[in-house]
Amino acid sequence: MSDSGKFVAGKHCLVLDDEFLIALDVQQILENAGAASVVSVSTATDALAAIRRGPRFDLAVLDVKLSGTAESGLTVAAALAEQNTPFMFLTGMCGEAEHTKQFPGAPVLEKPYQAQALLEILRKILCG
C-alpha cells in the first residue's frame, strides 16, 4: 500500500456508480489503499439499503446522475449527511449543477479522473 492511501486503511466505504467499470475501478483503488470493505452499488435504492443495513460507512464516493432512472446520488448524499458520513461526488456533470447547490461543501471530481486525484480528495475529507 502506498503512503498516499494509508488514511483509507481499515475504512468501510460505499461506492455508488451506475457505470460498472467506473465502480469497479473506484472499488479497486480503495481496496488497494487498504479499505477494510467496499460496498459497490449501481442504484440509489441499493445504496440506501446498504446504509440502513450497516455497518456504518466511513466514506462514500457517489455518482450524481444514474442513467435509466429518476434516482440520483443526491438522495444518498442526504442520508449520509444525516449520519455525518463524509462523501464526495464523482460525476460527468461539470459546472454549477444541483449537487453543488445542495451540498456546497462536498468535493467534486469530474470524470474522467485519475486515481491519485480521487485519493487526494478522500484524504482531504477524512484528514482535513
Protein backbone atom coordinates (compact mmCIF):
# COMPACT_ATOMS: atom_id res chain seq x y z
CA MET A 1 0.00 0.00 0.00
CA SER A 2 1.36 3.43 -0.89
CA ASP A 3 1.63 6.24 1.65
CA SER A 4 -0.97 8.16 -0.35
CA GLY A 5 -3.71 5.73 0.66
CA LYS A 6 -2.91 4.87 4.29
CA PHE A 7 -5.75 7.08 5.53
CA VAL A 8 -8.19 4.64 3.86
CA ALA A 9 -6.78 1.63 5.73
CA GLY A 10 -9.44 -0.11 7.77
CA LYS A 11 -12.28 2.08 6.47
CA HIS A 12 -15.71 0.87 5.35
CA CYS A 13 -16.51 2.50 2.01
CA LEU A 14 -19.56 2.92 -0.20
CA VAL A 15 -19.31 3.37 -3.97
CA LEU A 16 -22.40 4.38 -5.96
CA ASP A 17 -21.97 4.46 -9.73
CA ASP A 18 -24.18 3.04 -12.46
CA GLU A 19 -21.21 2.53 -14.78
CA PHE A 20 -19.84 -0.89 -13.87
CA LEU A 21 -16.24 -0.24 -14.96
CA ILE A 22 -16.03 3.02 -13.02
CA ALA A 23 -17.50 1.43 -9.90
CA LEU A 24 -15.04 -1.45 -10.22
CA ASP A 25 -12.12 0.95 -10.71
CA VAL A 26 -13.03 3.02 -7.64
CA GLN A 27 -13.52 -0.18 -5.63
CA GLN A 28 -10.07 -1.42 -6.64
CA ILE A 29 -8.46 1.93 -5.82
CA LEU A 30 -9.98 1.82 -2.33
CA GLU A 31 -9.11 -1.84 -1.78
CA ASN A 32 -5.52 -1.27 -2.95
CA ALA A 33 -5.33 1.62 -0.49
CA GLY A 34 -6.27 -0.76 2.33
CA ALA A 35 -10.01 -0.27 2.80
CA ALA A 36 -11.48 -2.90 5.14
CA SER A 37 -14.56 -3.22 2.94
CA VAL A 38 -16.04 -1.64 -0.14
CA VAL A 39 -19.72 -1.95 -0.96
CA SER A 40 -20.27 -1.10 -4.60
CA VAL A 41 -23.83 -0.50 -5.84
CA SER A 42 -25.41 0.88 -9.00
CA THR A 43 -28.68 2.34 -7.70
CA ALA A 44 -29.68 4.79 -5.01
CA THR A 45 -32.13 2.20 -3.67
CA ASP A 46 -29.32 -0.31 -3.15
CA ALA A 47 -27.10 2.36 -1.59
CA LEU A 48 -29.81 3.39 0.87
CA ALA A 49 -30.39 -0.28 1.76
CA ALA A 50 -26.66 -0.72 2.43
CA ILE A 51 -26.67 2.37 4.65
CA ARG A 52 -29.63 1.03 6.66
CA ARG A 53 -28.14 -2.47 6.87
CA GLY A 54 -24.77 -1.33 8.20
CA PRO A 55 -22.07 -1.34 9.29
CA ARG A 56 -21.80 2.41 9.17
CA PHE A 57 -19.67 3.69 6.30
CA ASP A 58 -16.59 5.82 6.93
CA LEU A 59 -16.70 7.44 3.49
CA ALA A 60 -18.55 7.33 0.19
CA VAL A 61 -17.91 8.06 -3.48
CA LEU A 62 -21.16 8.95 -5.25
CA ASP A 63 -22.17 9.42 -8.86
CA VAL A 64 -24.82 12.10 -9.18
CA LYS A 65 -26.83 11.14 -12.25
CA LEU A 66 -27.79 7.49 -12.52
CA SER A 67 -28.88 6.55 -16.05
CA GLY A 68 -32.19 4.93 -16.78
CA THR A 69 -33.78 6.03 -13.52
CA ALA A 70 -35.22 9.04 -11.76
CA GLU A 71 -32.94 8.23 -8.81
CA SER A 72 -29.83 10.23 -8.13
CA GLY A 73 -26.87 10.22 -5.81
CA LEU A 74 -28.32 13.28 -4.08
CA THR A 75 -30.75 11.14 -2.09
CA VAL A 76 -27.87 9.00 -0.90
CA ALA A 77 -25.79 12.10 -0.11
CA ALA A 78 -28.62 13.40 2.08
CA ALA A 79 -28.79 10.12 4.00
CA LEU A 80 -25.01 10.14 4.52
CA ALA A 81 -25.05 13.79 5.60
CA GLU A 82 -27.61 12.91 8.29
CA GLN A 83 -25.07 10.42 9.68
CA ASN A 84 -22.16 12.86 9.31
CA THR A 85 -20.51 10.41 6.90
CA PRO A 86 -18.03 12.15 4.60
CA PHE A 87 -18.69 11.76 0.88
CA MET A 88 -17.57 13.10 -2.45
CA PHE A 89 -19.16 13.24 -5.88
CA LEU A 90 -17.54 11.55 -8.88
CA THR A 91 -19.50 12.80 -11.85
CA GLY A 92 -19.54 13.67 -15.51
CA MET A 93 -21.63 16.74 -14.69
CA CYS A 94 -19.48 19.84 -14.62
CA GLY A 95 -20.12 23.39 -13.56
CA GLU A 96 -22.93 24.63 -11.37
CA ALA A 97 -25.24 21.66 -11.05
CA GLU A 98 -27.78 20.59 -8.44
CA HIS A 99 -25.20 18.70 -6.39
CA THR A 100 -23.06 21.81 -5.92
CA LYS A 101 -26.11 23.80 -4.82
CA GLN A 102 -27.50 21.18 -2.44
CA PHE A 103 -24.11 20.11 -0.98
CA PRO A 104 -21.77 23.08 -1.49
CA GLY A 105 -19.10 21.64 0.81
CA ALA A 106 -18.90 18.24 -0.88
CA PRO A 107 -15.83 17.76 -3.05
CA VAL A 108 -16.44 17.01 -6.73
CA LEU A 109 -14.15 15.11 -9.06
CA GLU A 110 -15.12 15.13 -12.72
CA LYS A 111 -14.93 12.07 -14.93
CA PRO A 112 -12.57 11.07 -16.43
CA TYR A 113 -10.42 11.07 -13.30
CA GLN A 114 -7.03 9.90 -12.08
CA ALA A 115 -6.70 7.51 -9.13
CA GLN A 116 -4.31 9.86 -7.35
CA ALA A 117 -6.79 12.75 -7.63
CA LEU A 118 -9.52 10.56 -6.13
CA LEU A 119 -7.29 9.53 -3.23
CA GLU A 120 -6.22 13.12 -2.62
CA ILE A 121 -9.82 14.28 -2.28
CA LEU A 122 -10.61 11.40 0.05
CA ARG A 123 -7.55 12.24 2.14
CA LYS A 124 -8.78 15.82 2.49
CA ILE A 125 -12.28 14.85 3.57
CA LEU A 126 -11.03 12.27 6.06
CA CYS A 127 -7.96 14.05 7.43
CA GLY A 128 -8.85 17.70 6.97
